Protein backbone atom coordinates (compact mmCIF):
# COMPACT_ATOMS: atom_id res chain seq x y z
CA MET A 1 10.12 -13.26 -8.56
CA ALA A 2 7.67 -14.21 -5.67
CA ALA A 3 6.09 -17.17 -5.68
CA ALA A 4 2.33 -17.56 -5.42
CA THR A 5 1.62 -19.08 -1.90
CA ALA A 6 -1.77 -20.28 -3.51
CA VAL A 7 -3.27 -20.36 -6.72
CA VAL A 8 -6.71 -21.91 -8.15
CA SER A 9 -7.52 -22.58 -11.64
CA ARG A 10 -11.20 -22.59 -12.48
CA ARG A 11 -12.82 -23.20 -15.83
CA GLY A 12 -16.82 -23.32 -16.57
CA ASN A 13 -17.78 -20.39 -13.80
CA ASP A 14 -21.21 -21.08 -14.24
CA SER A 15 -21.83 -17.18 -12.16
CA PHE A 16 -20.14 -15.64 -15.17
CA ARG A 17 -21.39 -17.55 -17.79
CA GLY A 18 -20.42 -16.93 -21.55
CA VAL A 19 -17.93 -14.26 -20.28
CA PHE A 20 -14.76 -15.78 -18.51
CA SER A 21 -13.51 -18.48 -19.85
CA ASP A 22 -10.93 -19.50 -17.18
CA THR A 23 -10.22 -17.59 -13.88
CA TRP A 24 -6.71 -17.75 -10.63
CA SER A 25 -7.59 -16.57 -7.50
CA VAL A 26 -3.71 -15.38 -6.56
CA THR A 27 -2.62 -15.45 -2.87
CA ALA A 28 0.80 -14.17 -2.68
CA THR A 29 3.55 -12.58 -0.40
CA LEU A 30 5.41 -9.38 -1.43
CA ASN A 31 7.79 -7.67 0.46
CA ALA A 32 8.46 -4.10 -1.92
CA SER A 33 11.35 -1.79 -1.21
CA SER A 34 11.40 1.17 0.74
CA LEU A 35 10.15 3.89 -2.15
CA ALA A 36 11.67 7.00 -2.53
CA ASP A 37 8.81 10.36 -3.59
CA GLY A 38 8.63 9.59 -7.21
CA ALA A 39 10.13 6.57 -7.42
CA GLY A 40 7.89 2.60 -8.21
CA GLU A 41 9.25 -0.40 -8.67
CA THR A 42 7.19 -3.51 -10.38
CA ASN A 43 7.17 -7.03 -8.69
CA THR A 44 6.64 -10.59 -10.38
CA ILE A 45 4.31 -13.53 -9.10
CA ALA A 46 4.15 -16.15 -10.69
CA VAL A 47 1.33 -18.04 -12.55
CA PRO A 48 1.15 -20.92 -14.10
CA GLY A 49 -1.92 -20.67 -17.09
CA VAL A 50 -1.99 -16.99 -17.10
CA LYS A 51 -1.10 -15.23 -20.72
CA LEU A 52 -0.96 -11.48 -22.57
CA GLY A 53 -4.50 -10.05 -22.95
CA ASP A 54 -5.65 -12.11 -19.20
CA ILE A 55 -6.84 -9.57 -16.89
CA VAL A 56 -6.40 -8.56 -12.94
CA MET A 57 -9.63 -7.35 -12.30
CA ASN A 58 -8.33 -6.34 -8.32
CA ILE A 59 -6.27 -6.49 -6.04
CA SER A 60 -6.24 -6.71 -2.37
CA MET A 61 -3.04 -5.96 -0.19
CA GLY A 62 -2.88 -6.32 3.93
CA VAL A 63 -1.23 -2.92 3.84
CA ASP A 64 -2.28 0.44 4.41
CA VAL A 65 -0.88 2.15 0.47
CA SER A 66 -2.52 5.99 1.00
CA GLY A 67 -0.12 7.66 -1.37
CA ILE A 68 0.99 4.83 -3.33
CA SER A 69 -0.33 3.57 -7.25
CA VAL A 70 -0.56 -0.38 -7.47
CA THR A 71 -1.22 -1.21 -11.13
CA PRO A 72 -1.68 -5.68 -11.63
CA TYR A 73 -1.10 -6.80 -14.74
CA VAL A 74 -0.55 -10.06 -16.85
CA SER A 75 2.77 -9.05 -18.47
CA ALA A 76 3.93 -12.11 -19.74
CA ALA A 77 3.22 -15.63 -19.61
CA ASP A 78 2.71 -17.22 -16.52
CA VAL A 79 3.36 -14.12 -14.90
CA VAL A 80 1.77 -11.48 -13.38
CA SER A 81 3.27 -8.36 -12.36
CA ILE A 82 2.72 -5.71 -9.55
CA ARG A 83 4.05 -2.24 -10.46
CA PHE A 84 4.12 -0.01 -7.16
CA GLN A 85 4.35 4.06 -7.70
CA ASN A 86 5.16 6.08 -4.58
CA GLU A 87 3.32 9.22 -4.99
CA SER A 88 3.19 10.61 -1.65
CA LEU A 89 6.21 13.19 -1.40
CA SER A 90 7.91 11.29 1.21
CA THR A 91 9.94 7.98 1.32
CA VAL A 92 7.53 4.48 1.96
CA ASP A 93 8.55 1.38 3.36
CA LEU A 94 5.91 -1.11 2.82
CA ALA A 95 5.46 -4.36 5.28
CA SER A 96 5.73 -7.88 3.83
CA THR A 97 2.00 -8.21 3.29
CA THR A 98 -0.47 -10.78 1.56
CA ILE A 99 -1.45 -9.27 -1.54
CA LYS A 100 -4.82 -11.46 -3.43
CA CYS A 101 -6.00 -10.69 -6.64
CA VAL A 102 -8.56 -12.56 -9.23
CA VAL A 103 -7.29 -13.00 -13.31
CA VAL A 104 -9.48 -14.09 -15.75
CA ARG A 105 -9.34 -14.90 -19.22
CA LEU A 106 -12.63 -13.17 -21.29
CA VAL A 107 -13.98 -15.90 -23.36
């Protein structure tokens, strides 16, 4: 499990009044393994306060992920999982990168 290097939680969310009760802005460093074509890997990030049912709205990575499906989701209390699935027809080895994502809880 990768430790998040920065997690900011905010209640209220004025610009989304009545939609989200909580938001988390997460920044973490991950280094995915080398993936053969068709192979996948799930990495996790400890994010205190998130729970099942929360939504990972978006994810940004500092590396090119062409040919790779990236699926972020809340997999358990306090855990955001990121699934990497290689569909590029060749082996891909992503470099260590900074990942940023936003997690929200609907009202």
